């Protein structure tokens, strides 16, 4: 199959409220690998956790075997999980040193995959319609799926910030993995929850439609998030396929 082309850009900001940026990002456009990780646990915990994920993935080089590459990416996340759990157990506070993560990989032949843990997200904009491709590992998502609450009521619910899965959260890590199809003109967005806490999906879609290039879109999304209050760290990566 012929190789495909893409362009990407990334941005992260501490926001208007937090003092520490616990988000970490990796824009590995040259090897078709992008990562957003959102740490938890405060300074020297959350930032360490997210940086550990990004550092481990940044050292990885994909092979020509797509299935082997996907297995390797999953194993990296599992290994980081073990390291963070050990660090947490050794710490005096015994607090969780954890992070969400969303990983997007595209091979030169166009085969693509998303791996994720927690509530950092992957979106796809196709024909001006925005679709969330990852599914949050959160208490709210479980309540919506179970019919306990309506999605439109989720934002104001007391459980809105509770995630049910994180790297470093438990000895056993389960990574969700989905194959992703790509068409010419698609734009993909990886983001931490700081973005969609401030912006509706309509707002996000409008900025992705209006932006001429990935750098323009990233800058606009972060700017809009800050204008809306910037209540959390915000991180975005945008990948465009011509």
C-alpha atoms as a PDB file:
ATOM      1  CA  UNK A   1       0.000   0.000   0.000  1.00  0.00           C
ATOM      2  CA  UNK A   2       1.241   3.544  -0.661  1.00  0.00           C
ATOM      3  CA  UNK A   3       2.388   5.628   2.272  1.00  0.00           C
ATOM      4  CA  UNK A   4       0.137   8.376   3.539  1.00  0.00           C
ATOM      5  CA  UNK A   5       0.974  11.886   4.678  1.00  0.00           C
ATOM      6  CA  UNK A   6      -0.049  13.933   7.672  1.00  0.00           C
ATOM      7  CA  UNK A   7       0.823  17.092   9.569  1.00  0.00           C
ATOM      8  CA  UNK A   8       0.441  17.755  13.269  1.00  0.00           C
ATOM      9  CA  UNK A   9       0.844  20.287  16.048  1.00  0.00           C
ATOM     10  CA  UNK A  10       0.616  20.225  19.837  1.00  0.00           C
ATOM     11  CA  UNK A  11       0.097  22.652  22.716  1.00  0.00           C
ATOM     12  CA  UNK A  12      -0.233  22.464  26.485  1.00  0.00           C
ATOM     13  CA  UNK A  13      -1.038  25.158  29.059  1.00  0.00           C
ATOM     14  CA  UNK A  14      -1.276  25.206  32.836  1.00  0.00           C
ATOM     15  CA  UNK A  15      -4.620  27.024  32.612  1.00  0.00           C
ATOM     16  CA  UNK A  16      -5.883  29.920  34.703  1.00  0.00           C
ATOM     17  CA  UNK A  17      -6.381  28.182  38.052  1.00  0.00           C
ATOM     18  CA  UNK A  18      -3.791  25.443  38.606  1.00  0.00           C
ATOM     19  CA  UNK A  19      -0.219  26.214  39.657  1.00  0.00           C
ATOM     20  CA  UNK A  20       1.331  23.071  38.188  1.00  0.00           C
ATOM     21  CA  UNK A  21       0.841  21.577  34.750  1.00  0.00           C
ATOM     22  CA  UNK A  22       0.364  17.844  35.356  1.00  0.00           C
ATOM     23  CA  UNK A  23      -0.297  17.199  31.659  1.00  0.00           C
ATOM     24  CA  UNK A  24       2.429  15.844  29.381  1.00  0.00           C
ATOM     25  CA  UNK A  25       2.307  15.519  25.605  1.00  0.00           C
ATOM     26  CA  UNK A  26       4.330  13.867  22.870  1.00  0.00           C
ATOM     27  CA  UNK A  27       4.169  14.857  19.226  1.00  0.00           C
ATOM     28  CA  UNK A  28       6.074  12.143  17.384  1.00  0.00           C
ATOM     29  CA  UNK A  29       4.910  13.082  13.911  1.00  0.00           C
ATOM     30  CA  UNK A  30       7.996  11.549  12.269  1.00  0.00           C
ATOM     31  CA  UNK A  31       7.021   8.099  13.499  1.00  0.00           C
ATOM     32  CA  UNK A  32       3.243   8.546  13.536  1.00  0.00           C
ATOM     33  CA  UNK A  33       2.874   8.518  17.314  1.00  0.00           C
ATOM     34  CA  UNK A  34       1.068  11.059  19.488  1.00  0.00           C
ATOM     35  CA  UNK A  35       0.314  10.997  23.221  1.00  0.00           C
ATOM     36  CA  UNK A  36      -1.585  13.086  25.775  1.00  0.00           C
ATOM     37  CA  UNK A  37      -1.264  12.130  29.441  1.00  0.00           C
ATOM     38  CA  UNK A  38      -3.068  13.866  32.312  1.00  0.00           C
ATOM     39  CA  UNK A  39      -1.473  13.234  35.711  1.00  0.00           C
ATOM     40  CA  UNK A  40      -3.165  13.131  39.091  1.00  0.00           C
ATOM     41  CA  UNK A  41      -1.964  13.391  42.647  1.00  0.00           C
ATOM     42  CA  UNK A  42      -0.521  16.884  42.742  1.00  0.00           C
ATOM     43  CA  UNK A  43       3.023  18.176  42.289  1.00  0.00           C
ATOM     44  CA  UNK A  44       5.744  15.473  42.271  1.00  0.00           C
ATOM     45  CA  UNK A  45       3.052  12.861  41.674  1.00  0.00           C
ATOM     46  CA  UNK A  46       0.773  13.712  38.746  1.00  0.00           C
ATOM     47  CA  UNK A  47       3.445  15.430  36.685  1.00  0.00           C
ATOM     48  CA  UNK A  48       5.886  12.588  37.336  1.00  0.00           C
ATOM     49  CA  UNK A  49       3.267  10.035  36.268  1.00  0.00           C
ATOM     50  CA  UNK A  50       2.358  11.762  33.004  1.00  0.00           C
ATOM     51  CA  UNK A  51       6.013  12.455  32.174  1.00  0.00           C
ATOM     52  CA  UNK A  52       6.875   8.789  32.807  1.00  0.00           C
ATOM     53  CA  UNK A  53       4.290   7.703  30.224  1.00  0.00           C
ATOM     54  CA  UNK A  54       5.401  10.218  27.620  1.00  0.00           C
ATOM     55  CA  UNK A  55       9.118   9.515  28.167  1.00  0.00           C
ATOM     56  CA  UNK A  56       8.644   5.767  27.782  1.00  0.00           C
ATOM     57  CA  UNK A  57       6.588   6.105  24.606  1.00  0.00           C
ATOM     58  CA  UNK A  58       8.927   8.722  23.123  1.00  0.00           C
ATOM     59  CA  UNK A  59      11.772   6.180  23.200  1.00  0.00           C
ATOM     60  CA  UNK A  60       9.754   3.625  21.230  1.00  0.00           C
ATOM     61  CA  UNK A  61      10.313   3.106  17.524  1.00  0.00           C
ATOM     62  CA  UNK A  62       7.541   1.326  15.590  1.00  0.00           C
ATOM     63  CA  UNK A  63       8.340  -1.661  13.406  1.00  0.00           C
ATOM     64  CA  UNK A  64       6.874  -2.556  10.027  1.00  0.00           C
ATOM     65  CA  UNK A  65       4.672  -5.150  11.757  1.00  0.00           C
ATOM     66  CA  UNK A  66       1.532  -3.252  12.810  1.00  0.00           C
ATOM     67  CA  UNK A  67       0.254  -5.901  15.253  1.00  0.00           C
ATOM     68  CA  UNK A  68       3.672  -6.124  16.891  1.00  0.00           C
ATOM     69  CA  UNK A  69       3.780  -2.346  17.256  1.00  0.00           C
ATOM     70  CA  UNK A  70       0.354  -2.240  18.920  1.00  0.00           C
ATOM     71  CA  UNK A  71       1.380  -4.991  21.356  1.00  0.00           C
ATOM     72  CA  UNK A  72       4.563  -3.082  22.177  1.00  0.00           C
ATOM     73  CA  UNK A  73       2.677   0.140  22.857  1.00  0.00           C
ATOM     74  CA  UNK A  74       0.312  -1.685  25.200  1.00  0.00           C
ATOM     75  CA  UNK A  75       3.235  -3.324  26.993  1.00  0.00           C
ATOM     76  CA  UNK A  76       4.919   0.033  27.509  1.00  0.00           C
ATOM     77  CA  UNK A  77       1.803   1.348  29.262  1.00  0.00           C
ATOM     78  CA  UNK A  78       1.605  -1.806  31.398  1.00  0.00           C
ATOM     79  CA  UNK A  79       5.272  -1.483  32.378  1.00  0.00           C
ATOM     80  CA  UNK A  80       4.869   2.185  33.316  1.00  0.00           C
ATOM     81  CA  UNK A  81       1.839   1.206  35.382  1.00  0.00           C
ATOM     82  CA  UNK A  82       3.951  -1.278  37.365  1.00  0.00           C
ATOM     83  CA  UNK A  83       6.644   1.346  37.943  1.00  0.00           C
ATOM     84  CA  UNK A  84       4.144   3.951  39.184  1.00  0.00           C
ATOM     85  CA  UNK A  85       2.391   1.481  41.508  1.00  0.00           C
ATOM     86  CA  UNK A  86       5.769   0.574  43.016  1.00  0.00           C
ATOM     87  CA  UNK A  87       6.635   4.257  43.444  1.00  0.00           C
ATOM     88  CA  UNK A  88       3.308   4.911  45.151  1.00  0.00           C
ATOM     89  CA  UNK A  89       3.768   2.014  47.571  1.00  0.00           C
ATOM     90  CA  UNK A  90       7.238   3.238  48.478  1.00  0.00           C
ATOM     91  CA  UNK A  91       6.146   6.835  49.077  1.00  0.00           C
ATOM     92  CA  UNK A  92       5.453   7.961  52.641  1.00  0.00           C
ATOM     93  CA  UNK A  93       2.049   9.368  51.721  1.00  0.00           C
ATOM     94  CA  UNK A  94       1.079   6.167  49.858  1.00  0.00           C
ATOM     95  CA  UNK A  95      -0.992   8.359  47.550  1.00  0.00           C
ATOM     96  CA  UNK A  96      -1.684   7.261  44.012  1.00  0.00           C
ATOM     97  CA  UNK A  97       0.875   8.418  41.461  1.00  0.00           C
ATOM     98  CA  UNK A  98      -1.213   8.046  38.352  1.00  0.00           C
ATOM     99  CA  UNK A  99      -2.192   9.435  34.993  1.00  0.00           C
ATOM    100  CA  UNK A 100      -4.662   9.017  32.179  1.00  0.00           C
ATOM    101  CA  UNK A 101      -3.295   8.519  28.678  1.00  0.00           C
ATOM    102  CA  UNK A 102      -4.553   8.525  25.110  1.00  0.00           C
ATOM    103  CA  UNK A 103      -2.202   7.238  22.408  1.00  0.00           C
ATOM    104  CA  UNK A 104      -2.715   7.504  18.649  1.00  0.00           C
ATOM    105  CA  UNK A 105      -0.497   5.618  16.220  1.00  0.00           C
ATOM    106  CA  UNK A 106      -0.619   5.629  12.414  1.00  0.00           C
ATOM    107  CA  UNK A 107       1.566   3.393  10.231  1.00  0.00           C
ATOM    108  CA  UNK A 108       2.957   4.474   6.869  1.00  0.00           C
ATOM    109  CA  UNK A 109       0.332   2.285   5.190  1.00  0.00           C
ATOM    110  CA  UNK A 110      -2.510   4.092   6.959  1.00  0.00           C
ATOM    111  CA  UNK A 111      -3.336   1.470   9.590  1.00  0.00           C
ATOM    112  CA  UNK A 112      -4.198   3.340  12.786  1.00  0.00           C
ATOM    113  CA  UNK A 113      -4.952   2.511  16.398  1.00  0.00           C
ATOM    114  CA  UNK A 114      -5.995   4.299  19.583  1.00  0.00           C
ATOM    115  CA  UNK A 115      -4.978   3.042  23.029  1.00  0.00           C
ATOM    116  CA  UNK A 116      -6.335   4.756  26.114  1.00  0.00           C
ATOM    117  CA  UNK A 117      -6.756   4.625  29.869  1.00  0.00           C
ATOM    118  CA  UNK A 118      -8.887   7.161  31.736  1.00  0.00           C
ATOM    119  CA  UNK A 119     -10.707  10.174  30.316  1.00  0.00           C
ATOM    120  CA  UNK A 120      -8.230  11.819  27.984  1.00  0.00           C
ATOM    121  CA  UNK A 121      -9.876  11.624  24.581  1.00  0.00           C
ATOM    122  CA  UNK A 122      -9.443  11.050  20.867  1.00  0.00           C
ATOM    123  CA  UNK A 123     -11.842  12.829  18.511  1.00  0.00           C
ATOM    124  CA  UNK A 124     -12.176  12.684  14.735  1.00  0.00           C
ATOM    125  CA  UNK A 125     -13.545  15.481  12.593  1.00  0.00           C
ATOM    126  CA  UNK A 126     -14.894  14.099   9.311  1.00  0.00           C
ATOM    127  CA  UNK A 127     -17.095  16.046   6.885  1.00  0.00           C
ATOM    128  CA  UNK A 128     -17.377  18.779   9.542  1.00  0.00           C
ATOM    129  CA  UNK A 129     -18.875  16.310  12.059  1.00  0.00           C
ATOM    130  CA  UNK A 130     -17.015  15.670  15.335  1.00  0.00           C
ATOM    131  CA  UNK A 131     -17.032  12.172  16.827  1.00  0.00           C
ATOM    132  CA  UNK A 132     -15.494  10.988  20.099  1.00  0.00           C
ATOM    133  CA  UNK A 133     -13.616   7.758  19.309  1.00  0.00           C
ATOM    134  CA  UNK A 134     -12.417   6.858  22.807  1.00  0.00           C
ATOM    135  CA  UNK A 135     -14.810   6.133  25.657  1.00  0.00           C
ATOM    136  CA  UNK A 136     -14.096   7.657  29.058  1.00  0.00           C
ATOM    137  CA  UNK A 137     -13.182   5.373  31.913  1.00  0.00           C
ATOM    138  CA  UNK A 138     -15.179   7.400  34.406  1.00  0.00           C
ATOM    139  CA  UNK A 139     -17.946   7.003  36.933  1.00  0.00           C
ATOM    140  CA  UNK A 140     -20.118   9.388  34.940  1.00  0.00           C
ATOM    141  CA  UNK A 141     -19.731   7.328  31.750  1.00  0.00           C
ATOM    142  CA  UNK A 142     -20.731   4.185  33.661  1.00  0.00           C
ATOM    143  CA  UNK A 143     -23.789   5.975  35.050  1.00  0.00           C
ATOM    144  CA  UNK A 144     -24.795   7.187  31.586  1.00  0.00           C
ATOM    145  CA  UNK A 145     -24.319   3.716  30.089  1.00  0.00           C
ATOM    146  CA  UNK A 146     -26.399   2.245  32.916  1.00  0.00           C
ATOM    147  CA  UNK A 147     -29.204   4.742  32.355  1.00  0.00           C
ATOM    148  CA  UNK A 148     -28.767   6.301  35.805  1.00  0.00           C
ATOM    149  CA  UNK A 149     -28.357   9.840  34.462  1.00  0.00           C
ATOM    150  CA  UNK A 150     -28.734  11.614  31.126  1.00  0.00           C
ATOM    151  CA  UNK A 151     -25.630  12.767  29.273  1.00  0.00           C
ATOM    152  CA  UNK A 152     -26.857  16.372  29.295  1.00  0.00           C
ATOM    153  CA  UNK A 153     -26.945  16.268  33.117  1.00  0.00           C
ATOM    154  CA  UNK A 154     -23.478  14.748  33.531  1.00  0.00           C
ATOM    155  CA  UNK A 155     -21.422  17.946  33.637  1.00  0.00           C
ATOM    156  CA  UNK A 156     -23.031  19.206  36.856  1.00  0.00           C
ATOM    157  CA  UNK A 157     -23.059  15.844  38.645  1.00  0.00           C
ATOM    158  CA  UNK A 158     -20.973  15.419  41.812  1.00  0.00           C
ATOM    159  CA  UNK A 159     -19.159  12.438  40.244  1.00  0.00           C
ATOM    160  CA  UNK A 160     -18.103  14.396  37.168  1.00  0.00           C
ATOM    161  CA  UNK A 161     -14.383  14.252  37.993  1.00  0.00           C
ATOM    162  CA  UNK A 162     -14.107  10.637  39.158  1.00  0.00           C
ATOM    163  CA  UNK A 163     -12.221   8.336  36.802  1.00  0.00           C
ATOM    164  CA  UNK A 164     -12.379   4.558  37.141  1.00  0.00           C
ATOM    165  CA  UNK A 165      -9.123   3.618  35.449  1.00  0.00           C
ATOM    166  CA  UNK A 166      -5.651   5.181  35.418  1.00  0.00           C
ATOM    167  CA  UNK A 167      -2.071   4.195  34.737  1.00  0.00           C
ATOM    168  CA  UNK A 168      -0.628   3.768  38.235  1.00  0.00           C
ATOM    169  CA  UNK A 169      -4.051   3.316  39.783  1.00  0.00           C
ATOM    170  CA  UNK A 170      -3.964  -0.453  40.292  1.00  0.00           C
ATOM    171  CA  UNK A 171      -1.557  -3.375  39.946  1.00  0.00           C
ATOM    172  CA  UNK A 172      -3.564  -4.775  37.038  1.00  0.00           C
ATOM    173  CA  UNK A 173      -3.916  -2.418  34.086  1.00  0.00           C
ATOM    174  CA  UNK A 174      -6.485  -2.841  31.340  1.00  0.00           C
ATOM    175  CA  UNK A 175      -5.817  -0.798  28.213  1.00  0.00           C
ATOM    176  CA  UNK A 176      -8.646  -0.190  25.747  1.00  0.00           C
ATOM    177  CA  UNK A 177      -7.572  -0.547  22.124  1.00  0.00           C
ATOM    178  CA  UNK A 178      -9.532   0.319  18.957  1.00  0.00           C
ATOM    179  CA  UNK A 179      -8.547   0.283  15.313  1.00  0.00           C
ATOM    180  CA  UNK A 180      -9.257   3.618  13.627  1.00  0.00           C
ATOM    181  CA  UNK A 181     -10.067   4.206   9.976  1.00  0.00           C
ATOM    182  CA  UNK A 182      -8.662   7.252   8.216  1.00  0.00           C
ATOM    183  CA  UNK A 183      -9.946   9.066   5.143  1.00  0.00           C
ATOM    184  CA  UNK A 184      -8.557  12.019   3.227  1.00  0.00           C
ATOM    185  CA  UNK A 185      -9.572  15.257   4.921  1.00  0.00           C
ATOM    186  CA  UNK A 186      -9.877  13.768   8.412  1.00  0.00           C
ATOM    187  CA  UNK A 187      -8.616  15.739  11.386  1.00  0.00           C
ATOM    188  CA  UNK A 188      -7.908  14.052  14.714  1.00  0.00           C
ATOM    189  CA  UNK A 189      -7.731  15.639  18.160  1.00  0.00           C
ATOM    190  CA  UNK A 190      -6.126  14.201  21.272  1.00  0.00           C
ATOM    191  CA  UNK A 191      -6.901  16.171  24.419  1.00  0.00           C
ATOM    192  CA  UNK A 192      -6.922  16.145  28.201  1.00  0.00           C
ATOM    193  CA  UNK A 193     -10.179  16.756  30.055  1.00  0.00           C
ATOM    194  CA  UNK A 194      -9.204  20.380  30.607  1.00  0.00           C
ATOM    195  CA  UNK A 195     -10.319  21.106  27.055  1.00  0.00           C
ATOM    196  CA  UNK A 196     -13.785  19.586  27.128  1.00  0.00           C
ATOM    197  CA  UNK A 197     -14.451  20.882  30.645  1.00  0.00           C
ATOM    198  CA  UNK A 198     -14.275  24.382  29.200  1.00  0.00           C
ATOM    199  CA  UNK A 199     -15.553  23.852  25.655  1.00  0.00           C
ATOM    200  CA  UNK A 200     -18.589  22.022  24.337  1.00  0.00           C
ATOM    201  CA  UNK A 201     -18.182  19.567  21.476  1.00  0.00           C
ATOM    202  CA  UNK A 202     -19.833  22.162  19.244  1.00  0.00           C
ATOM    203  CA  UNK A 203     -17.185  24.710  20.274  1.00  0.00           C
ATOM    204  CA  UNK A 204     -14.409  22.195  19.592  1.00  0.00           C
ATOM    205  CA  UNK A 205     -15.840  21.279  16.202  1.00  0.00           C
ATOM    206  CA  UNK A 206     -16.186  24.935  15.182  1.00  0.00           C
ATOM    207  CA  UNK A 207     -12.530  25.642  15.994  1.00  0.00           C
ATOM    208  CA  UNK A 208     -11.372  22.530  14.132  1.00  0.00           C
ATOM    209  CA  UNK A 209     -13.448  23.453  11.092  1.00  0.00           C
ATOM    210  CA  UNK A 210     -12.314  27.082  11.075  1.00  0.00           C
ATOM    211  CA  UNK A 211      -8.616  26.399  11.637  1.00  0.00           C
ATOM    212  CA  UNK A 212      -6.539  26.277   8.455  1.00  0.00           C
ATOM    213  CA  UNK A 213      -3.723  24.093   9.805  1.00  0.00           C
ATOM    214  CA  UNK A 214      -3.027  21.983  12.936  1.00  0.00           C
ATOM    215  CA  UNK A 215      -0.976  24.803  14.556  1.00  0.00           C
ATOM    216  CA  UNK A 216      -3.850  27.261  13.995  1.00  0.00           C
ATOM    217  CA  UNK A 217      -6.348  24.808  15.493  1.00  0.00           C
ATOM    218  CA  UNK A 218      -4.196  24.035  18.543  1.00  0.00           C
ATOM    219  CA  UNK A 219      -3.671  27.715  19.305  1.00  0.00           C
ATOM    220  CA  UNK A 220      -7.377  28.484  18.877  1.00  0.00           C
ATOM    221  CA  UNK A 221      -8.515  25.619  21.097  1.00  0.00           C
ATOM    222  CA  UNK A 222      -6.163  26.587  23.926  1.00  0.00           C
ATOM    223  CA  UNK A 223      -7.094  30.271  23.605  1.00  0.00           C
ATOM    224  CA  UNK A 224     -10.824  29.473  23.735  1.00  0.00           C
ATOM    225  CA  UNK A 225     -10.323  27.230  26.759  1.00  0.00           C
ATOM    226  CA  UNK A 226      -8.505  30.023  28.615  1.00  0.00           C
ATOM    227  CA  UNK A 227     -11.221  32.514  27.669  1.00  0.00           C
ATOM    228  CA  UNK A 228     -13.814  30.161  29.171  1.00  0.00           C
ATOM    229  CA  UNK A 229     -11.935  30.059  32.481  1.00  0.00           C
ATOM    230  CA  UNK A 230      -9.102  27.567  32.027  1.00  0.00           C
ATOM    231  CA  UNK A 231     -10.184  25.645  35.116  1.00  0.00           C
ATOM    232  CA  UNK A 232      -7.699  22.832  34.519  1.00  0.00           C
ATOM    233  CA  UNK A 233      -4.503  22.138  32.622  1.00  0.00           C
ATOM    234  CA  UNK A 234      -5.330  21.914  28.931  1.00  0.00           C
ATOM    235  CA  UNK A 235      -3.443  19.892  26.321  1.00  0.00           C
ATOM    236  CA  UNK A 236      -4.232  19.347  22.651  1.00  0.00           C
ATOM    237  CA  UNK A 237      -2.681  17.588  19.687  1.00  0.00           C
ATOM    238  CA  UNK A 238      -4.167  17.937  16.200  1.00  0.00           C
ATOM    239  CA  UNK A 239      -3.293  15.689  13.244  1.00  0.00           C
ATOM    240  CA  UNK A 240      -4.508  16.455   9.739  1.00  0.00           C
ATOM    241  CA  UNK A 241      -4.624  14.096   6.747  1.00  0.00           C
ATOM    242  CA  UNK A 242      -4.733  15.878   3.356  1.00  0.00           C
END
